Amino acid sequence: MKSNDCSTEKVSTEGEIEEIRSRLPDERKLQDLAAFYAAFSDPTRLKIVLALMERELCNFDIAKIIGATPSAVSHQLRLLRSMRLVRFRRKGRKVFYALDDQHVYSILELAILHFKEEKTGNG
C-alpha cells in the first residue's frame, strides 16, 4: 500500500521549509484573511457584492435586485462595511453603496473567471 506522505522522498530542505513558513502571514493577518473569505460564504452577502460589481446602488435597489427585504440588506451591508468590502456615500436622504475598491472587484472577477473555466473545462 502506498503512503501519501513524502517521508520516503525528500522533497524540500529544512531551509526551504523554514523560508516558506516565514512568508506565511501572522495569526492576526490569517484571521483577517479568513474573515474576508467568510464574507462571501453567505448567499445574501455574495448577491450584494455581485450586484455592486455592476454599479453603485442604494439599499432599496439592492433589495429589489436580490429579492430580499431592505432590512436584511441593511444588516448585511453593515457587515460588509465593517469588513471593508463596501463603502457608502450619502446623497440627501439616500445612501448609496459600492465596492470598497478595485481590489474587491478584481478578487470577485477572478473567482467568477475561475468557475467559468472549470465549468467549460478550459484551464
PDB file of N, CA and C in Angstrom:
ATOM      1  N   MET A   1       0.851  -1.168   0.000  1.00  0.00           N
ATOM      2  CA  MET A   1       0.000   0.000   0.000  1.00  0.00           C
ATOM      3  C   MET A   1       0.897   1.231   0.000  1.00  0.00           C
ATOM      4  N   LYS A   2       0.560   2.226  -0.870  1.00  0.00           N
ATOM      5  CA  LYS A   2       1.356   3.440  -0.977  1.00  0.00           C
ATOM      6  C   LYS A   2       0.948   4.445   0.089  1.00  0.00           C
ATOM      7  N   SER A   3       1.946   5.154   0.578  1.00  0.00           N
ATOM      8  CA  SER A   3       1.704   6.206   1.544  1.00  0.00           C
ATOM      9  C   SER A   3       1.596   7.537   0.808  1.00  0.00           C
ATOM     10  N   ASN A   4       0.740   8.429   1.286  1.00  0.00           N
ATOM     11  CA  ASN A   4       0.587   9.742   0.663  1.00  0.00           C
ATOM     12  C   ASN A   4       1.551  10.773   1.229  1.00  0.00           C
ATOM     13  N   ASP A   5       2.334  10.423   2.242  1.00  0.00           N
ATOM     14  CA  ASP A   5       3.279  11.404   2.770  1.00  0.00           C
ATOM     15  C   ASP A   5       4.551  11.400   1.931  1.00  0.00           C
ATOM     16  N   CYS A   6       5.434  12.362   2.180  1.00  0.00           N
ATOM     17  CA  CYS A   6       6.668  12.492   1.382  1.00  0.00           C
ATOM     18  C   CYS A   6       7.869  11.979   2.152  1.00  0.00           C
ATOM     19  N   SER A   7       7.659  11.196   3.200  1.00  0.00           N
ATOM     20  CA  SER A   7       8.768  10.788   4.063  1.00  0.00           C
ATOM     21  C   SER A   7       9.779   9.901   3.349  1.00  0.00           C
ATOM     22  N   THR A   8       9.362   9.190   2.334  1.00  0.00           N
ATOM     23  CA  THR A   8      10.296   8.307   1.639  1.00  0.00           C
ATOM     24  C   THR A   8      11.119   9.042   0.592  1.00  0.00           C
ATOM     25  N   GLU A   9      10.672  10.232   0.196  1.00  0.00           N
ATOM     26  CA  GLU A   9      11.400  11.016  -0.799  1.00  0.00           C
ATOM     27  C   GLU A   9      11.494  12.457  -0.305  1.00  0.00           C
ATOM     28  N   LYS A  10      12.708  12.907  -0.024  1.00  0.00           N
ATOM     29  CA  LYS A  10      12.889  14.261   0.489  1.00  0.00           C
ATOM     30  C   LYS A  10      12.601  15.251  -0.633  1.00  0.00           C
ATOM     31  N   VAL A  11      11.577  16.058  -0.452  1.00  0.00           N
ATOM     32  CA  VAL A  11      11.145  16.999  -1.473  1.00  0.00           C
ATOM     33  C   VAL A  11      11.780  18.369  -1.260  1.00  0.00           C
ATOM     34  N   SER A  12      11.843  18.816  -0.024  1.00  0.00           N
ATOM     35  CA  SER A  12      12.352  20.145   0.290  1.00  0.00           C
ATOM     36  C   SER A  12      13.372  20.058   1.416  1.00  0.00           C
ATOM     37  N   THR A  13      14.316  20.995   1.410  1.00  0.00           N
ATOM     38  CA  THR A  13      15.286  21.057   2.507  1.00  0.00           C
ATOM     39  C   THR A  13      14.641  21.758   3.692  1.00  0.00           C
ATOM     40  N   GLU A  14      15.239  21.591   4.859  1.00  0.00           N
ATOM     41  CA  GLU A  14      14.725  22.287   6.052  1.00  0.00           C
ATOM     42  C   GLU A  14      14.760  23.798   5.846  1.00  0.00           C
ATOM     43  N   GLY A  15      15.799  24.283   5.168  1.00  0.00           N
ATOM     44  CA  GLY A  15      15.898  25.720   4.885  1.00  0.00           C
ATOM     45  C   GLY A  15      14.758  26.207   4.010  1.00  0.00           C
ATOM     46  N   GLU A  16      14.396  25.408   3.011  1.00  0.00           N
ATOM     47  CA  GLU A  16      13.281  25.768   2.125  1.00  0.00           C
ATOM     48  C   GLU A  16      11.960  25.758   2.891  1.00  0.00           C
ATOM     49  N   ILE A  17      11.799  24.764   3.744  1.00  0.00           N
ATOM     50  CA  ILE A  17      10.582  24.678   4.570  1.00  0.00           C
ATOM     51  C   ILE A  17      10.483  25.915   5.454  1.00  0.00           C
ATOM     52  N   GLU A  18      11.581  26.278   6.126  1.00  0.00           N
ATOM     53  CA  GLU A  18      11.579  27.435   7.024  1.00  0.00           C
ATOM     54  C   GLU A  18      11.341  28.724   6.255  1.00  0.00           C
ATOM     55  N   GLU A  19      11.879  28.837   5.054  1.00  0.00           N
ATOM     56  CA  GLU A  19      11.667  30.045   4.242  1.00  0.00           C
ATOM     57  C   GLU A  19      10.187  30.203   3.893  1.00  0.00           C
ATOM     58  N   ILE A  20       9.550  29.106   3.505  1.00  0.00           N
ATOM     59  CA  ILE A  20       8.114  29.158   3.201  1.00  0.00           C
ATOM     60  C   ILE A  20       7.326  29.496   4.458  1.00  0.00           C
ATOM     61  N   ARG A  21       7.659  28.856   5.568  1.00  0.00           N
ATOM     62  CA  ARG A  21       6.968  29.124   6.835  1.00  0.00           C
ATOM     63  C   ARG A  21       7.093  30.600   7.218  1.00  0.00           C
ATOM     64  N   SER A  22       8.271  31.188   7.009  1.00  0.00           N
ATOM     65  CA  SER A  22       8.494  32.587   7.396  1.00  0.00           C
ATOM     66  C   SER A  22       7.688  33.560   6.536  1.00  0.00           C
ATOM     67  N   ARG A  23       7.266  33.133   5.373  1.00  0.00           N
ATOM     68  CA  ARG A  23       6.492  34.002   4.478  1.00  0.00           C
ATOM     69  C   ARG A  23       4.987  33.951   4.756  1.00  0.00           C
ATOM     70  N   LEU A  24       4.553  32.999   5.543  1.00  0.00           N
ATOM     71  CA  LEU A  24       3.134  32.929   5.887  1.00  0.00           C
ATOM     72  C   LEU A  24       2.762  34.119   6.759  1.00  0.00           C
ATOM     73  N   PRO A  25       1.548  34.632   6.591  1.00  0.00           N
ATOM     74  CA  PRO A  25       1.110  35.764   7.428  1.00  0.00           C
ATOM     75  C   PRO A  25       1.039  35.365   8.907  1.00  0.00           C
ATOM     76  N   ASP A  26       1.133  36.376   9.783  1.00  0.00           N
ATOM     77  CA  ASP A  26       0.987  36.099  11.206  1.00  0.00           C
ATOM     78  C   ASP A  26      -0.474  35.764  11.516  1.00  0.00           C
ATOM     79  N   GLU A  27      -0.729  35.330  12.737  1.00  0.00           N
ATOM     80  CA  GLU A  27      -2.071  34.857  13.110  1.00  0.00           C
ATOM     81  C   GLU A  27      -3.147  35.920  12.917  1.00  0.00           C
ATOM     82  N   ARG A  28      -2.848  37.169  13.251  1.00  0.00           N
ATOM     83  CA  ARG A  28      -3.831  38.258  13.096  1.00  0.00           C
ATOM     84  C   ARG A  28      -4.220  38.429  11.626  1.00  0.00           C
ATOM     85  N   LYS A  29      -3.219  38.417  10.751  1.00  0.00           N
ATOM     86  CA  LYS A  29      -3.492  38.563   9.323  1.00  0.00           C
ATOM     87  C   LYS A  29      -4.239  37.346   8.782  1.00  0.00           C
ATOM     88  N   LEU A  30      -3.920  36.173   9.297  1.00  0.00           N
ATOM     89  CA  LEU A  30      -4.646  34.968   8.887  1.00  0.00           C
ATOM     90  C   LEU A  30      -6.119  35.049   9.286  1.00  0.00           C
ATOM     91  N   GLN A  31      -6.375  35.563  10.494  1.00  0.00           N
ATOM     92  CA  GLN A  31      -7.762  35.736  10.943  1.00  0.00           C
ATOM     93  C   GLN A  31      -8.500  36.728  10.049  1.00  0.00           C
ATOM     94  N   ASP A  32      -7.833  37.833   9.695  1.00  0.00           N
ATOM     95  CA  ASP A  32      -8.449  38.825   8.805  1.00  0.00           C
ATOM     96  C   ASP A  32      -8.746  38.220   7.438  1.00  0.00           C
ATOM     97  N   LEU A  33      -7.822  37.438   6.924  1.00  0.00           N
ATOM     98  CA  LEU A  33      -7.998  36.804   5.618  1.00  0.00           C
ATOM     99  C   LEU A  33      -9.144  35.793   5.648  1.00  0.00           C
ATOM    100  N   ALA A  34      -9.210  35.023   6.721  1.00  0.00           N
ATOM    101  CA  ALA A  34     -10.303  34.059   6.865  1.00  0.00           C
ATOM    102  C   ALA A  34     -11.649  34.783   6.936  1.00  0.00           C
ATOM    103  N   ALA A  35     -11.709  35.884   7.666  1.00  0.00           N
ATOM    104  CA  ALA A  35     -12.949  36.662   7.773  1.00  0.00           C
ATOM    105  C   ALA A  35     -13.334  37.255   6.419  1.00  0.00           C
ATOM    106  N   PHE A  36     -12.337  37.689   5.668  1.00  0.00           N
ATOM    107  CA  PHE A  36     -12.581  38.238   4.333  1.00  0.00           C
ATOM    108  C   PHE A  36     -13.287  37.201   3.458  1.00  0.00           C
ATOM    109  N   TYR A  37     -12.749  36.001   3.415  1.00  0.00           N
ATOM    110  CA  TYR A  37     -13.358  34.967   2.584  1.00  0.00           C
ATOM    111  C   TYR A  37     -14.682  34.479   3.169  1.00  0.00           C
ATOM    112  N   ALA A  38     -14.824  34.513   4.470  1.00  0.00           N
ATOM    113  CA  ALA A  38     -16.090  34.120   5.093  1.00  0.00           C
ATOM    114  C   ALA A  38     -17.210  35.069   4.692  1.00  0.00           C
ATOM    115  N   ALA A  39     -16.862  36.314   4.398  1.00  0.00           N
ATOM    116  CA  ALA A  39     -17.873  37.291   3.983  1.00  0.00           C
ATOM    117  C   ALA A  39     -18.606  36.816   2.740  1.00  0.00           C
ATOM    118  N   PHE A  40     -17.923  36.078   1.887  1.00  0.00           N
ATOM    119  CA  PHE A  40     -18.516  35.606   0.648  1.00  0.00           C
ATOM    120  C   PHE A  40     -19.237  34.266   0.816  1.00  0.00           C
ATOM    121  N   SER A  41     -19.230  33.715   2.025  1.00  0.00           N
ATOM    122  CA  SER A  41     -19.865  32.415   2.244  1.00  0.00           C
ATOM    123  C   SER A  41     -21.368  32.524   2.463  1.00  0.00           C
ATOM    124  N   ASP A  42     -21.862  33.724   2.705  1.00  0.00           N
ATOM    125  CA  ASP A  42     -23.294  33.930   2.893  1.00  0.00           C
ATOM    126  C   ASP A  42     -23.921  34.305   1.550  1.00  0.00           C
ATOM    127  N   PRO A  43     -24.937  33.573   1.087  1.00  0.00           N
ATOM    128  CA  PRO A  43     -25.524  33.860  -0.228  1.00  0.00           C
ATOM    129  C   PRO A  43     -26.058  35.287  -0.378  1.00  0.00           C
ATOM    130  N   THR A  44     -26.643  35.839   0.664  1.00  0.00           N
ATOM    131  CA  THR A  44     -27.160  37.209   0.570  1.00  0.00           C
ATOM    132  C   THR A  44     -26.023  38.202   0.390  1.00  0.00           C
ATOM    133  N   ARG A  45     -24.969  38.059   1.189  1.00  0.00           N
ATOM    134  CA  ARG A  45     -23.821  38.961   1.039  1.00  0.00           C
ATOM    135  C   ARG A  45     -23.180  38.805  -0.325  1.00  0.00           C
ATOM    136  N   LEU A  46     -23.087  37.582  -0.784  1.00  0.00           N
ATOM    137  CA  LEU A  46     -22.485  37.340  -2.094  1.00  0.00           C
ATOM    138  C   LEU A  46     -23.317  37.994  -3.197  1.00  0.00           C
ATOM    139  N   LYS A  47     -24.639  37.860  -3.131  1.00  0.00           N
ATOM    140  CA  LYS A  47     -25.500  38.519  -4.120  1.00  0.00           C
ATOM    141  C   LYS A  47     -25.306  40.031  -4.083  1.00  0.00           C
ATOM    142  N   ILE A  48     -25.177  40.585  -2.889  1.00  0.00           N
ATOM    143  CA  ILE A  48     -24.999  42.028  -2.755  1.00  0.00           C
ATOM    144  C   ILE A  48     -23.711  42.475  -3.436  1.00  0.00           C
ATOM    145  N   VAL A  49     -22.604  41.816  -3.138  1.00  0.00           N
ATOM    146  CA  VAL A  49     -21.341  42.258  -3.729  1.00  0.00           C
ATOM    147  C   VAL A  49     -21.329  42.014  -5.240  1.00  0.00           C
ATOM    148  N   LEU A  50     -21.970  40.948  -5.698  1.00  0.00           N
ATOM    149  CA  LEU A  50     -22.046  40.718  -7.142  1.00  0.00           C
ATOM    150  C   LEU A  50     -22.883  41.801  -7.824  1.00  0.00           C
ATOM    151  N   ALA A  51     -23.971  42.225  -7.191  1.00  0.00           N
ATOM    152  CA  ALA A  51     -24.773  43.325  -7.744  1.00  0.00           C
ATOM    153  C   ALA A  51     -23.958  44.616  -7.761  1.00  0.00           C
ATOM    154  N   LEU A  52     -23.158  44.831  -6.724  1.00  0.00           N
ATOM    155  CA  LEU A  52     -22.344  46.050  -6.652  1.00  0.00           C
ATOM    156  C   LEU A  52     -21.175  46.022  -7.623  1.00  0.00           C
ATOM    157  N   MET A  53     -20.864  44.855  -8.173  1.00  0.00           N
ATOM    158  CA  MET A  53     -19.862  44.813  -9.233  1.00  0.00           C
ATOM    159  C   MET A  53     -20.368  45.562 -10.466  1.00  0.00           C
ATOM    160  N   GLU A  54     -21.685  45.596 -10.625  1.00  0.00           N
ATOM    161  CA  GLU A  54     -22.275  46.264 -11.782  1.00  0.00           C
ATOM    162  C   GLU A  54     -22.207  47.780 -11.668  1.00  0.00           C
ATOM    163  N   ARG A  55     -22.548  48.300 -10.480  1.00  0.00           N
ATOM    164  CA  ARG A  55     -22.521  49.749 -10.257  1.00  0.00           C
ATOM    165  C   ARG A  55     -22.927  50.072  -8.830  1.00  0.00           C
ATOM    166  N   GLU A  56     -22.794  51.315  -8.475  1.00  0.00           N
ATOM    167  CA  GLU A  56     -23.230  51.812  -7.170  1.00  0.00           C
ATOM    168  C   GLU A  56     -24.754  51.729  -7.106  1.00  0.00           C
ATOM    169  N   LEU A  57     -25.269  51.281  -5.952  1.00  0.00           N
ATOM    170  CA  LEU A  57     -26.710  51.100  -5.786  1.00  0.00           C
ATOM    171  C   LEU A  57     -27.147  51.533  -4.394  1.00  0.00           C
ATOM    172  N   CYS A  58     -28.406  51.931  -4.278  1.00  0.00           N
ATOM    173  CA  CYS A  58     -28.955  52.211  -2.951  1.00  0.00           C
ATOM    174  C   CYS A  58     -29.517  50.915  -2.357  1.00  0.00           C
ATOM    175  N   ASN A  59     -29.731  50.933  -1.063  1.00  0.00           N
ATOM    176  CA  ASN A  59     -30.218  49.775  -0.313  1.00  0.00           C
ATOM    177  C   ASN A  59     -31.492  49.189  -0.926  1.00  0.00           C
ATOM    178  N   PHE A  60     -32.444  50.044  -1.278  1.00  0.00           N
ATOM    179  CA  PHE A  60     -33.725  49.558  -1.783  1.00  0.00           C
ATOM    180  C   PHE A  60     -33.575  48.893  -3.154  1.00  0.00           C
ATOM    181  N   ASP A  61     -32.700  49.452  -3.992  1.00  0.00           N
ATOM    182  CA  ASP A  61     -32.455  48.818  -5.293  1.00  0.00           C
ATOM    183  C   ASP A  61     -31.777  47.465  -5.116  1.00  0.00           C
ATOM    184  N   ILE A  62     -30.835  47.392  -4.200  1.00  0.00           N
ATOM    185  CA  ILE A  62     -30.167  46.114  -3.919  1.00  0.00           C
ATOM    186  C   ILE A  62     -31.200  45.080  -3.472  1.00  0.00           C
ATOM    187  N   ALA A  63     -32.091  45.495  -2.571  1.00  0.00           N
ATOM    188  CA  ALA A  63     -33.129  44.584  -2.062  1.00  0.00           C
ATOM    189  C   ALA A  63     -33.993  44.056  -3.202  1.00  0.00           C
ATOM    190  N   LYS A  64     -34.378  44.942  -4.130  1.00  0.00           N
ATOM    191  CA  LYS A  64     -35.195  44.510  -5.275  1.00  0.00           C
ATOM    192  C   LYS A  64     -34.413  43.547  -6.162  1.00  0.00           C
ATOM    193  N   ILE A  65     -33.155  43.864  -6.414  1.00  0.00           N
ATOM    194  CA  ILE A  65     -32.339  43.041  -7.313  1.00  0.00           C
ATOM    195  C   ILE A  65     -32.156  41.628  -6.774  1.00  0.00           C
ATOM    196  N   ILE A  66     -31.872  41.523  -5.465  1.00  0.00           N
ATOM    197  CA  ILE A  66     -31.548  40.196  -4.925  1.00  0.00           C
ATOM    198  C   ILE A  66     -32.746  39.489  -4.300  1.00  0.00           C
ATOM    199  N   GLY A  67     -33.889  40.173  -4.245  1.00  0.00           N
ATOM    200  CA  GLY A  67     -35.086  39.543  -3.698  1.00  0.00           C
ATOM    201  C   GLY A  67     -35.050  39.372  -2.194  1.00  0.00           C
ATOM    202  N   ALA A  68     -34.564  40.385  -1.510  1.00  0.00           N
ATOM    203  CA  ALA A  68     -34.509  40.356  -0.043  1.00  0.00           C
ATOM    204  C   ALA A  68     -35.191  41.602   0.501  1.00  0.00           C
ATOM    205  N   THR A  69     -35.445  41.610   1.791  1.00  0.00           N
ATOM    206  CA  THR A  69     -36.048  42.795   2.397  1.00  0.00           C
ATOM    207  C   THR A  69     -34.974  43.868   2.590  1.00  0.00           C
ATOM    208  N   PRO A  70     -35.375  45.137   2.558  1.00  0.00           N
ATOM    209  CA  PRO A  70     -34.405  46.211   2.803  1.00  0.00           C
ATOM    210  C   PRO A  70     -33.698  46.083   4.154  1.00  0.00           C
ATOM    211  N   SER A  71     -34.410  45.594   5.172  1.00  0.00           N
ATOM    212  CA  SER A  71     -33.764  45.453   6.490  1.00  0.00           C
ATOM    213  C   SER A  71     -32.701  44.353   6.459  1.00  0.00           C
ATOM    214  N   ALA A  72     -32.980  43.255   5.756  1.00  0.00           N
ATOM    215  CA  ALA A  72     -31.977  42.184   5.645  1.00  0.00           C
ATOM    216  C   ALA A  72     -30.756  42.688   4.883  1.00  0.00           C
ATOM    217  N   VAL A  73     -30.985  43.462   3.829  1.00  0.00           N
ATOM    218  CA  VAL A  73     -29.882  44.022   3.052  1.00  0.00           C
ATOM    219  C   VAL A  73     -29.079  44.996   3.902  1.00  0.00           C
ATOM    220  N   SER A  74     -29.768  45.848   4.665  1.00  0.00           N
ATOM    221  CA  SER A  74     -29.069  46.801   5.539  1.00  0.00           C
ATOM    222  C   SER A  74     -28.165  46.082   6.536  1.00  0.00           C
ATOM    223  N   HIS A  75     -28.671  45.016   7.099  1.00  0.00           N
ATOM    224  CA  HIS A  75     -27.882  44.232   8.058  1.00  0.00           C
ATOM    225  C   HIS A  75     -26.617  43.696   7.385  1.00  0.00           C
ATOM    226  N   GLN A  76     -26.762  43.117   6.214  1.00  0.00           N
ATOM    227  CA  GLN A  76     -25.607  42.554   5.513  1.00  0.00           C
ATOM    228  C   GLN A  76     -24.651  43.652   5.057  1.00  0.00           C
ATOM    229  N   LEU A  77     -25.185  44.789   4.641  1.00  0.00           N
ATOM    230  CA  LEU A  77     -24.324  45.903   4.235  1.00  0.00           C
ATOM    231  C   LEU A  77     -23.489  46.420   5.405  1.00  0.00           C
ATOM    232  N   ARG A  78     -24.068  46.433   6.599  1.00  0.00           N
ATOM    233  CA  ARG A  78     -23.284  46.837   7.785  1.00  0.00           C
ATOM    234  C   ARG A  78     -22.106  45.889   7.992  1.00  0.00           C
ATOM    235  N   LEU A  79     -22.363  44.601   7.848  1.00  0.00           N
ATOM    236  CA  LEU A  79     -21.278  43.622   7.986  1.00  0.00           C
ATOM    237  C   LEU A  79     -20.222  43.811   6.900  1.00  0.00           C
ATOM    238  N   LEU A  80     -20.676  44.013   5.676  1.00  0.00           N
ATOM    239  CA  LEU A  80     -19.738  44.204   4.567  1.00  0.00           C
ATOM    240  C   LEU A  80     -18.922  45.488   4.732  1.00  0.00           C
ATOM    241  N   ARG A  81     -19.547  46.518   5.277  1.00  0.00           N
ATOM    242  CA  ARG A  81     -18.809  47.762   5.559  1.00  0.00           C
ATOM    243  C   ARG A  81     -17.765  47.528   6.632  1.00  0.00           C
ATOM    244  N   SER A  82     -18.128  46.787   7.677  1.00  0.00           N
ATOM    245  CA  SER A  82     -17.172  46.532   8.759  1.00  0.00           C
ATOM    246  C   SER A  82     -15.989  45.703   8.283  1.00  0.00           C
ATOM    247  N   MET A  83     -16.199  44.915   7.230  1.00  0.00           N
ATOM    248  CA  MET A  83     -15.126  44.113   6.645  1.00  0.00           C
ATOM    249  C   MET A  83     -14.366  44.871   5.562  1.00  0.00           C
ATOM    250  N   ARG A  84     -14.749  46.122   5.349  1.00  0.00           N
ATOM    251  CA  ARG A  84     -14.133  46.999   4.343  1.00  0.00           C
ATOM    252  C   ARG A  84     -14.272  46.454   2.925  1.00  0.00           C
ATOM    253  N   LEU A  85     -15.409  45.818   2.655  1.00  0.00           N
ATOM    254  CA  LEU A  85     -15.684  45.303   1.314  1.00  0.00           C
ATOM    255  C   LEU A  85     -16.568  46.250   0.515  1.00  0.00           C
ATOM    256  N   VAL A  86     -17.390  47.032   1.224  1.00  0.00           N
ATOM    257  CA  VAL A  86     -18.210  48.043   0.562  1.00  0.00           C
ATOM    258  C   VAL A  86     -18.033  49.373   1.280  1.00  0.00           C
ATOM    259  N   ARG A  87     -18.295  50.436   0.538  1.00  0.00           N
ATOM    260  CA  ARG A  87     -18.272  51.790   1.100  1.00  0.00           C
ATOM    261  C   ARG A  87     -19.617  52.435   0.787  1.00  0.00           C
ATOM    262  N   PHE A  88     -19.879  53.546   1.415  1.00  0.00           N
ATOM    263  CA  PHE A  88     -21.149  54.215   1.161  1.00  0.00           C
ATOM    264  C   PHE A  88     -20.938  55.715   1.041  1.00  0.00           C
ATOM    265  N   ARG A  89     -21.926  56.355   0.439  1.00  0.00           N
ATOM    266  CA  ARG A  89     -21.974  57.813   0.385  1.00  0.00           C
ATOM    267  C   ARG A  89     -23.429  58.227   0.513  1.00  0.00           C
ATOM    268  N   ARG A  90     -23.626  59.353   1.111  1.00  0.00           N
ATOM    269  CA  ARG A  90     -24.980  59.880   1.289  1.00  0.00           C
ATOM    270  C   ARG A  90     -25.252  60.949   0.238  1.00  0.00           C
ATOM    271  N   LYS A  91     -26.476  60.929  -0.265  1.00  0.00           N
ATOM    272  CA  LYS A  91     -26.950  61.975  -1.161  1.00  0.00           C
ATOM    273  C   LYS A  91     -28.353  62.317  -0.697  1.00  0.00           C
ATOM    274  N   GLY A  92     -28.452  63.389   0.064  1.00  0.00           N
ATOM    275  CA  GLY A  92     -29.727  63.723   0.682  1.00  0.00           C
ATOM    276  C   GLY A  92     -30.085  62.666   1.706  1.00  0.00           C
ATOM    277  N   ARG A  93     -31.266  62.095   1.562  1.00  0.00           N
ATOM    278  CA  ARG A  93     -31.700  61.054   2.495  1.00  0.00           C
ATOM    279  C   ARG A  93     -31.339  59.654   2.033  1.00  0.00           C
ATOM    280  N   LYS A  94     -30.809  59.536   0.817  1.00  0.00           N
ATOM    281  CA  LYS A  94     -30.458  58.217   0.284  1.00  0.00           C
ATOM    282  C   LYS A  94     -28.998  57.892   0.589  1.00  0.00           C
ATOM    283  N   VAL A  95     -28.751  56.592   0.745  1.00  0.00           N
ATOM    284  CA  VAL A  95     -27.390  56.097   0.950  1.00  0.00           C
ATOM    285  C   VAL A  95     -27.081  55.150  -0.205  1.00  0.00           C
ATOM    286  N   PHE A  96     -25.958  55.401  -0.850  1.00  0.00           N
ATOM    287  CA  PHE A  96     -25.532  54.584  -1.976  1.00  0.00           C
ATOM    288  C   PHE A  96     -24.312  53.770  -1.578  1.00  0.00           C
ATOM    289  N   TYR A  97     -24.268  52.534  -2.076  1.00  0.00           N
ATOM    290  CA  TYR A  97     -23.189  51.608  -1.744  1.00  0.00           C
ATOM    291  C   TYR A  97     -22.439  51.212  -3.012  1.00  0.00           C
ATOM    292  N   ALA A  98     -21.145  50.959  -2.825  1.00  0.00           N
ATOM    293  CA  ALA A  98     -20.288  50.497  -3.919  1.00  0.00           C
ATOM    294  C   ALA A  98     -19.241  49.580  -3.314  1.00  0.00           C
ATOM    295  N   LEU A  99     -18.590  48.799  -4.158  1.00  0.00           N
ATOM    296  CA  LEU A  99     -17.462  48.004  -3.668  1.00  0.00           C
ATOM    297  C   LEU A  99     -16.408  48.963  -3.148  1.00  0.00           C
ATOM    298  N   ASP A 100     -15.708  48.555  -2.112  1.00  0.00           N
ATOM    299  CA  ASP A 100     -14.770  49.451  -1.444  1.00  0.00           C
ATOM    300  C   ASP A 100     -13.658  49.924  -2.365  1.00  0.00           C
ATOM    301  N   ASP A 101     -13.118  49.033  -3.170  1.00  0.00           N
ATOM    302  CA  ASP A 101     -12.059  49.436  -4.089  1.00  0.00           C
ATOM    303  C   ASP A 101     -11.906  48.418  -5.204  1.00  0.00           C
ATOM    304  N   GLN A 102     -10.997  48.697  -6.094  1.00  0.00           N
ATOM    305  CA  GLN A 102     -10.776  47.834  -7.257  1.00  0.00           C
ATOM    306  C   GLN A 102     -10.299  46.444  -6.851  1.00  0.00           C
ATOM    307  N   HIS A 103      -9.625  46.318  -5.694  1.00  0.00           N
ATOM    308  CA  HIS A 103      -9.149  45.003  -5.255  1.00  0.00           C
ATOM    309  C   HIS A 103     -10.311  44.041  -5.034  1.00  0.00           C
ATOM    310  N   VAL A 104     -11.364  44.533  -4.400  1.00  0.00           N
ATOM    311  CA  VAL A 104     -12.526  43.674  -4.140  1.00  0.00           C
ATOM    312  C   VAL A 104     -13.126  43.230  -5.464  1.00  0.00           C
ATOM    313  N   TYR A 105     -13.268  44.164  -6.392  1.00  0.00           N
ATOM    314  CA  TYR A 105     -13.800  43.832  -7.717  1.00  0.00           C
ATOM    315  C   TYR A 105     -12.923  42.773  -8.387  1.00  0.00           C
ATOM    316  N   SER A 106     -11.616  42.977  -8.355  1.00  0.00           N
ATOM    317  CA  SER A 106     -10.687  42.053  -9.024  1.00  0.00           C
ATOM    318  C   SER A 106     -10.748  40.653  -8.429  1.00  0.00           C
ATOM    319  N   ILE A 107     -10.840  40.561  -7.114  1.00  0.00           N
ATOM    320  CA  ILE A 107     -10.916  39.255  -6.456  1.00  0.00           C
ATOM    321  C   ILE A 107     -12.181  38.511  -6.885  1.00  0.00           C
ATOM    322  N   LEU A 108     -13.291  39.224  -6.897  1.00  0.00           N
ATOM    323  CA  LEU A 108     -14.551  38.604  -7.320  1.00  0.00           C
ATOM    324  C   LEU A 108     -14.500  38.215  -8.795  1.00  0.00           C
ATOM    325  N   GLU A 109     -13.944  39.092  -9.607  1.00  0.00           N
ATOM    326  CA  GLU A 109     -13.848  38.819 -11.031  1.00  0.00           C
ATOM    327  C   GLU A 109     -13.001  37.571 -11.298  1.00  0.00           C
ATOM    328  N   LEU A 110     -11.889  37.435 -10.579  1.00  0.00           N
ATOM    329  CA  LEU A 110     -11.043  36.247 -10.733  1.00  0.00           C
ATOM    330  C   LEU A 110     -11.767  34.976 -10.299  1.00  0.00           C
ATOM    331  N   ALA A 111     -12.533  35.060  -9.206  1.00  0.00           N
ATOM    332  CA  ALA A 111     -13.286  33.888  -8.745  1.00  0.00           C
ATOM    333  C   ALA A 111     -14.325  33.482  -9.784  1.00  0.00           C
ATOM    334  N   ILE A 112     -15.011  34.458 -10.349  1.00  0.00           N
ATOM    335  CA  ILE A 112     -16.009  34.161 -11.383  1.00  0.00           C
ATOM    336  C   ILE A 112     -15.335  33.520 -12.586  1.00  0.00           C
ATOM    337  N   LEU A 113     -14.224  34.073 -13.005  1.00  0.00           N
ATOM    338  CA  LEU A 113     -13.477  33.528 -14.135  1.00  0.00           C
ATOM    339  C   LEU A 113     -13.019  32.104 -13.853  1.00  0.00           C
ATOM    340  N   HIS A 114     -12.550  31.862 -12.637  1.00  0.00           N
ATOM    341  CA  HIS A 114     -12.101  30.525 -12.258  1.00  0.00           C
ATOM    342  C   HIS A 114     -13.222  29.498 -12.446  1.00  0.00           C
ATOM    343  N   PHE A 115     -14.412  29.816 -11.970  1.00  0.00           N
ATOM    344  CA  PHE A 115     -15.502  28.849 -12.061  1.00  0.00           C
ATOM    345  C   PHE A 115     -16.061  28.733 -13.469  1.00  0.00           C
ATOM    346  N   LYS A 116     -15.972  29.785 -14.259  1.00  0.00           N
ATOM    347  CA  LYS A 116     -16.363  29.672 -15.670  1.00  0.00           C
ATOM    348  C   LYS A 116     -15.417  28.725 -16.391  1.00  0.00           C
ATOM    349  N   GLU A 117     -14.121  28.848 -16.128  1.00  0.00           N
ATOM    350  CA  GLU A 117     -13.148  27.971 -16.762  1.00  0.00           C
ATOM    351  C   GLU A 117     -13.332  26.543 -16.314  1.00  0.00           C
ATOM    352  N   GLU A 118     -13.606  26.338 -15.029  1.00  0.00           N
ATOM    353  CA  GLU A 118     -13.804  24.986 -14.505  1.00  0.00           C
ATOM    354  C   GLU A 118     -15.016  24.345 -15.161  1.00  0.00           C
ATOM    355  N   LYS A 119     -16.066  25.132 -15.337  1.00  0.00           N
ATOM    356  CA  LYS A 119     -17.306  24.605 -15.911  1.00  0.00           C
ATOM    357  C   LYS A 119     -17.107  24.184 -17.366  1.00  0.00           C
ATOM    358  N   THR A 120     -16.358  24.989 -18.121  1.00  0.00           N
ATOM    359  CA  THR A 120     -16.171  24.690 -19.543  1.00  0.00           C
ATOM    360  C   THR A 120     -15.015  23.733 -19.774  1.00  0.00           C
ATOM    361  N   GLY A 121     -14.212  23.499 -18.731  1.00  0.00           N
ATOM    362  CA  GLY A 121     -13.096  22.582 -18.863  1.00  0.00           C
ATOM    363  C   GLY A 121     -11.860  23.225 -19.431  1.00  0.00           C
ATOM    364  N   ASN A 122     -11.852  24.542 -19.595  1.00  0.00           N
ATOM    365  CA  ASN A 122     -10.657  25.240 -20.086  1.00  0.00           C
ATOM    366  C   ASN A 122      -9.806  25.665 -18.917  1.00  0.00           C
ATOM    367  N   GLY A 123      -8.563  25.272 -18.867  1.00  0.00           N
ATOM    368  CA  GLY A 123      -7.677  25.725 -17.802  1.00  0.00           C
ATOM    369  C   GLY A 123      -7.474  24.685 -16.850  1.00  0.00           C
TER     370      GLY A 123
END
